[in-house]
């Protein structure tokens, strides 16, 4: 499953092609993906102008000039392929052999840019765990997929004070709290492990223990908030983790995975200067957690 930096890389790659363009035609090649396509899917998109391409957590949001919003999720194997001027690119997507298999091209958007250029954007999904749904005008925030999502981890809104308020009195492990989408939207297993290492905090620690006194957020909360924002920003700048089949927007491999400090490094030396510890793997809620017991407390 792609994590937030991969989805943001996809958004940034698609944005110049989608925004401002008119959807002249839509090809829908099957009735469903993970869920059935919305009723009148093709008809409601045809002729509409794209005003913005956004992201909420791991969902892409395509905003149209009549207020309708198309919510798209990549699932486990979904990717978008851009055909602009006869040249193809796969922003933030997957291994070329899989993602370019036309048998798994399920939706094609035929676009006309404000300058009259004809472009195509193709959604390809071999496993069909992705989906596309509509949010009616003015109701995006109330959509069942988005209504319960927490704060985004990419902006200054996620600071020590916010994190302390979210975690105060929580008796769950710190890693579990960070993965709770109702608290923070879009954080995944890889980057939570990395952020906790940067902050020097154990994934086993109780979430409430970093909160500090009401109105006076503790230093640990501030340190963790900064680490979360920075690890996400670094991964986006590198084009994502490139785990499994992910590649950079220009088709080259992303490089953030080569900077992992703990994730996937069980038995390796801790990379914190002066630590000398060894990376350990444990399982929390059925998922692997990597951390350094020597410097994460």
Protein backbone atom coordinates (compact mmCIF):
# COMPACT_ATOMS: atom_id res chain seq x y z
CA UNK A 1 0.00 0.00 0.00
CA UNK A 2 1.51 3.39 -0.95
CA UNK A 3 2.26 5.74 1.91
CA UNK A 4 1.54 9.46 2.01
CA UNK A 5 4.81 10.63 0.38
CA UNK A 6 4.18 8.34 -2.62
CA UNK A 7 0.65 9.69 -3.02
CA UNK A 8 1.86 13.28 -2.75
CA UNK A 9 4.50 12.55 -5.41
CA UNK A 10 1.74 11.23 -7.68
CA UNK A 11 -0.33 14.36 -7.04
CA UNK A 12 2.55 16.66 -7.91
CA UNK A 13 3.25 14.73 -11.09
CA UNK A 14 -0.39 14.83 -12.23
CA UNK A 15 -1.12 18.41 -11.19
CA UNK A 16 0.33 20.21 -14.25
CA UNK A 17 -1.61 17.95 -16.63
CA UNK A 18 -4.96 17.96 -14.84
CA UNK A 19 -5.34 21.45 -13.42
CA UNK A 20 -7.04 23.85 -15.81
CA UNK A 21 -7.73 21.12 -18.37
CA UNK A 22 -11.13 20.12 -19.68
CA UNK A 23 -12.09 16.44 -19.57
CA UNK A 24 -13.25 15.95 -23.17
CA UNK A 25 -13.83 12.22 -22.94
CA UNK A 26 -13.59 9.39 -20.39
CA UNK A 27 -13.12 5.71 -21.20
CA UNK A 28 -14.37 3.38 -18.47
CA UNK A 29 -13.39 -0.19 -19.30
CA UNK A 30 -15.01 -2.11 -16.44
CA UNK A 31 -17.93 -1.58 -14.04
CA UNK A 32 -15.88 -1.68 -10.85
CA UNK A 33 -12.52 -1.67 -9.12
CA UNK A 34 -12.57 -2.28 -5.36
CA UNK A 35 -16.02 -0.67 -5.43
CA UNK A 36 -18.44 -0.12 -8.33
CA UNK A 37 -17.90 3.12 -10.22
CA UNK A 38 -20.47 5.80 -9.34
CA UNK A 39 -23.64 6.02 -11.39
CA UNK A 40 -23.21 8.15 -14.54
CA UNK A 41 -19.46 8.17 -13.92
CA UNK A 42 -18.49 9.01 -17.52
CA UNK A 43 -21.35 11.44 -18.10
CA UNK A 44 -20.70 13.50 -14.97
CA UNK A 45 -17.01 13.93 -15.79
CA UNK A 46 -17.29 14.64 -19.51
CA UNK A 47 -17.01 18.33 -20.40
CA UNK A 48 -16.00 19.41 -16.92
CA UNK A 49 -12.94 21.59 -16.23
CA UNK A 50 -10.51 20.54 -13.49
CA UNK A 51 -10.01 23.42 -11.06
CA UNK A 52 -7.60 21.71 -8.64
CA UNK A 53 -5.93 18.41 -7.81
CA UNK A 54 -5.60 17.94 -4.07
CA UNK A 55 -4.75 15.28 -1.54
CA UNK A 56 -6.30 14.33 1.79
CA UNK A 57 -4.36 11.66 3.67
CA UNK A 58 -3.77 8.98 1.00
CA UNK A 59 -6.67 10.06 -1.22
CA UNK A 60 -6.31 12.18 -4.36
CA UNK A 61 -9.12 14.70 -4.88
CA UNK A 62 -9.94 15.97 -8.38
CA UNK A 63 -12.02 19.15 -8.06
CA UNK A 64 -14.31 20.08 -10.98
CA UNK A 65 -15.86 23.38 -12.04
CA UNK A 66 -19.37 22.32 -11.02
CA UNK A 67 -18.27 21.52 -7.46
CA UNK A 68 -18.15 17.75 -7.92
CA UNK A 69 -15.02 16.07 -6.53
CA UNK A 70 -13.59 12.76 -7.74
CA UNK A 71 -11.90 10.88 -4.87
CA UNK A 72 -9.25 8.43 -6.05
CA UNK A 73 -7.26 5.85 -4.09
CA UNK A 74 -4.36 3.87 -5.58
CA UNK A 75 -4.98 0.71 -3.57
CA UNK A 76 -2.06 -1.70 -3.58
CA UNK A 77 -1.10 -1.61 -7.25
CA UNK A 78 -2.79 1.41 -8.82
CA UNK A 79 -0.86 4.00 -10.82
CA UNK A 80 -1.48 6.85 -13.23
CA UNK A 81 0.26 7.06 -16.60
CA UNK A 82 0.52 10.37 -18.43
CA UNK A 83 0.63 10.51 -22.22
CA UNK A 84 1.51 14.11 -23.12
CA UNK A 85 2.60 14.85 -26.65
CA UNK A 86 3.28 11.19 -27.33
CA UNK A 87 5.68 10.86 -24.39
CA UNK A 88 4.66 8.70 -21.44
CA UNK A 89 5.59 9.15 -17.79
CA UNK A 90 4.45 7.51 -14.56
CA UNK A 91 4.49 10.04 -11.71
CA UNK A 92 5.36 8.44 -8.41
CA UNK A 93 4.17 5.10 -9.65
CA UNK A 94 5.37 1.53 -10.17
CA UNK A 95 7.72 -0.82 -11.99
CA UNK A 96 7.38 -0.13 -15.72
CA UNK A 97 6.54 -3.68 -16.81
CA UNK A 98 3.48 -3.90 -14.55
CA UNK A 99 2.21 -0.38 -14.76
CA UNK A 100 2.36 -0.27 -18.57
CA UNK A 101 0.44 -3.50 -19.12
CA UNK A 102 -2.54 -2.19 -21.12
CA UNK A 103 -4.67 -5.11 -19.98
CA UNK A 104 -4.94 -3.33 -16.62
CA UNK A 105 -5.81 0.12 -18.00
CA UNK A 106 -9.25 0.67 -16.47
CA UNK A 107 -9.94 4.40 -16.90
CA UNK A 108 -8.59 6.90 -19.42
CA UNK A 109 -9.12 10.65 -19.14
CA UNK A 110 -8.80 12.51 -22.45
CA UNK A 111 -7.84 16.09 -21.58
CA UNK A 112 -7.57 19.38 -23.42
CA UNK A 113 -5.28 21.93 -21.78
CA UNK A 114 -6.04 25.67 -21.72
CA UNK A 115 -3.59 26.00 -24.64
CA UNK A 116 -5.47 23.36 -26.64
CA UNK A 117 -2.95 20.55 -26.12
CA UNK A 118 -4.44 17.05 -26.11
CA UNK A 119 -3.24 14.79 -23.26
CA UNK A 120 -4.26 11.46 -21.78
CA UNK A 121 -4.12 10.24 -18.19
CA UNK A 122 -4.62 6.50 -17.68
CA UNK A 123 -5.41 4.72 -14.42
CA UNK A 124 -3.85 1.25 -14.32
CA UNK A 125 -4.48 -1.21 -11.48
CA UNK A 126 -3.56 -4.91 -11.83
CA UNK A 127 -5.01 -5.96 -8.46
CA UNK A 128 -8.03 -3.62 -8.66
CA UNK A 129 -7.85 -2.56 -5.02
CA UNK A 130 -7.94 1.11 -6.00
CA UNK A 131 -11.19 3.01 -6.50
CA UNK A 132 -12.85 6.21 -7.73
CA UNK A 133 -15.87 7.71 -5.99
CA UNK A 134 -17.69 11.04 -6.10
CA UNK A 135 -18.15 13.61 -3.36
CA UNK A 136 -21.12 15.79 -4.17
CA UNK A 137 -20.62 19.58 -4.34
CA UNK A 138 -19.90 21.09 -0.94
CA UNK A 139 -19.81 17.71 0.81
CA UNK A 140 -16.18 16.60 0.47
CA UNK A 141 -15.39 16.98 4.16
CA UNK A 142 -18.55 15.03 5.03
CA UNK A 143 -17.78 12.12 2.73
CA UNK A 144 -17.68 8.84 4.65
CA UNK A 145 -14.03 8.25 3.67
CA UNK A 146 -12.81 11.65 4.84
CA UNK A 147 -15.13 12.77 7.64
CA UNK A 148 -13.25 11.03 10.44
CA UNK A 149 -9.70 11.81 9.35
CA UNK A 150 -7.34 13.65 11.66
CA UNK A 151 -4.84 16.44 11.12
CA UNK A 152 -2.50 16.34 8.12
CA UNK A 153 1.15 15.63 9.01
CA UNK A 154 2.67 17.81 6.29
CA UNK A 155 2.06 21.34 7.55
CA UNK A 156 2.75 23.50 10.57
CA UNK A 157 -0.65 22.63 12.01
CA UNK A 158 0.95 19.47 13.39
CA UNK A 159 3.00 20.98 16.21
CA UNK A 160 3.86 19.92 19.73
CA UNK A 161 0.75 21.50 21.22
CA UNK A 162 -1.55 19.70 18.77
CA UNK A 163 0.21 16.38 19.25
CA UNK A 164 0.07 16.72 23.04
CA UNK A 165 -3.67 17.42 22.92
CA UNK A 166 -4.30 14.43 20.64
CA UNK A 167 -2.31 12.00 22.79
CA UNK A 168 -3.11 13.22 26.30
CA UNK A 169 -4.34 10.39 28.57
CA UNK A 170 -4.01 7.79 25.81
CA UNK A 171 -2.82 4.44 27.12
CA UNK A 172 -2.03 2.94 23.70
CA UNK A 173 1.57 2.49 22.50
CA UNK A 174 3.00 5.58 20.84
CA UNK A 175 3.34 3.89 17.47
CA UNK A 176 -0.32 2.79 17.49
CA UNK A 177 -1.44 6.34 18.27
CA UNK A 178 0.60 7.74 15.39
CA UNK A 179 -1.02 5.24 13.02
CA UNK A 180 -4.55 6.11 14.19
CA UNK A 181 -6.01 7.88 11.15
CA UNK A 182 -8.60 9.59 13.35
CA UNK A 183 -5.77 11.48 15.03
CA UNK A 184 -3.24 12.03 12.24
CA UNK A 185 -4.27 11.41 8.64
CA UNK A 186 -2.06 9.46 6.26
CA UNK A 187 0.84 8.32 8.42
CA UNK A 188 1.98 4.78 7.60
CA UNK A 189 4.21 2.12 9.08
CA UNK A 190 7.47 3.10 7.39
CA UNK A 191 7.52 6.77 8.25
CA UNK A 192 6.21 6.32 11.78
CA UNK A 193 9.19 4.06 12.53
CA UNK A 194 11.55 6.61 11.01
CA UNK A 195 9.99 9.58 12.83
CA UNK A 196 10.15 7.83 16.19
CA UNK A 197 13.85 7.11 15.64
CA UNK A 198 14.55 10.73 14.75
CA UNK A 199 12.72 11.86 17.89
CA UNK A 200 14.52 9.30 20.07
CA UNK A 201 11.23 7.86 21.34
CA UNK A 202 10.38 4.20 21.83
CA UNK A 203 7.41 2.81 19.87
CA UNK A 204 6.46 0.94 23.06
CA UNK A 205 6.12 4.12 25.13
CA UNK A 206 2.54 5.06 26.10
CA UNK A 207 1.25 7.84 23.86
CA UNK A 208 0.00 9.90 26.79
CA UNK A 209 3.46 10.00 28.33
CA UNK A 210 4.71 12.58 25.82
CA UNK A 211 1.83 15.04 26.30
CA UNK A 212 3.10 17.07 29.25
CA UNK A 213 0.78 19.19 31.37
CA UNK A 214 -2.43 20.65 29.84
CA UNK A 215 -1.56 23.87 28.05
CA UNK A 216 2.15 23.14 28.40
CA UNK A 217 3.12 20.51 25.80
CA UNK A 218 6.15 18.47 26.73
CA UNK A 219 9.46 18.61 24.90
CA UNK A 220 8.91 15.07 23.65
CA UNK A 221 5.67 16.08 21.88
CA UNK A 222 7.36 19.02 20.19
CA UNK A 223 10.32 16.88 19.16
CA UNK A 224 8.08 14.17 17.71
CA UNK A 225 5.90 16.64 15.78
CA UNK A 226 9.00 18.12 14.18
CA UNK A 227 10.35 14.66 13.35
CA UNK A 228 7.08 13.59 11.71
CA UNK A 229 6.93 16.69 9.52
CA UNK A 230 10.59 16.43 8.55
CA UNK A 231 10.60 12.73 7.68
CA UNK A 232 7.53 13.17 5.46
CA UNK A 233 9.05 16.24 3.77
CA UNK A 234 12.34 14.45 3.16
CA UNK A 235 10.57 11.45 1.65
CA UNK A 236 8.46 13.63 -0.65
CA UNK A 237 11.59 15.47 -1.79
CA UNK A 238 13.23 12.13 -2.58
CA UNK A 239 10.19 10.92 -4.53
CA UNK A 240 9.00 8.43 -1.91
CA UNK A 241 10.54 5.33 -0.45
CA UNK A 242 10.69 3.32 -3.71
CA UNK A 243 9.79 0.23 -1.69
CA UNK A 244 8.72 -2.71 -3.83
CA UNK A 245 7.76 -1.30 -7.24
CA UNK A 246 7.82 2.44 -6.61
CA UNK A 247 9.87 4.68 -8.88
CA UNK A 248 10.47 8.40 -8.97
CA UNK A 249 8.27 10.73 -11.05
CA UNK A 250 10.81 10.75 -13.88
CA UNK A 251 11.01 6.96 -13.95
CA UNK A 252 14.20 6.64 -11.89
CA UNK A 253 14.24 4.95 -8.51
CA UNK A 254 13.44 7.03 -5.49
CA UNK A 255 16.30 7.28 -3.03
CA UNK A 256 14.71 7.79 0.38
CA UNK A 257 14.88 4.07 1.11
CA UNK A 258 18.67 4.31 1.08
CA UNK A 259 18.37 6.78 3.94
CA UNK A 260 16.24 4.59 6.20
CA UNK A 261 17.65 4.76 9.68
CA UNK A 262 15.68 1.86 11.16
CA UNK A 263 13.03 0.51 8.79
CA UNK A 264 14.04 -2.87 7.35
CA UNK A 265 17.43 -2.74 9.11
CA UNK A 266 16.95 -5.40 11.80
CA UNK A 267 20.33 -6.41 13.22
CA UNK A 268 22.10 -3.43 11.67
CA UNK A 269 23.99 -0.76 13.61
CA UNK A 270 22.12 2.32 14.77
CA UNK A 271 23.01 5.32 12.62
CA UNK A 272 22.73 7.86 15.42
CA UNK A 273 26.14 9.33 16.17
CA UNK A 274 27.62 7.89 19.35
CA UNK A 275 24.81 5.38 19.96
CA UNK A 276 26.41 2.02 19.16
CA UNK A 277 23.08 0.20 19.46
CA UNK A 278 21.57 -2.47 17.18
CA UNK A 279 18.28 -2.13 15.34
CA UNK A 280 15.58 -4.46 16.63
CA UNK A 281 12.36 -5.65 15.01
CA UNK A 282 9.20 -6.26 17.02
CA UNK A 283 5.58 -6.81 15.99
CA UNK A 284 2.89 -4.40 17.14
CA UNK A 285 -0.73 -4.92 16.11
CA UNK A 286 0.42 -7.39 13.47
CA UNK A 287 2.89 -4.97 11.85
CA UNK A 288 6.66 -4.82 11.96
CA UNK A 289 8.24 -2.08 14.02
CA UNK A 290 11.95 -1.26 13.75
CA UNK A 291 13.72 0.77 16.44
CA UNK A 292 16.91 1.11 18.45
CA UNK A 293 16.42 0.08 22.10
CA UNK A 294 19.64 1.88 23.04
CA UNK A 295 18.66 5.42 22.05
CA UNK A 296 14.87 5.34 21.77
CA UNK A 297 13.27 5.66 25.19
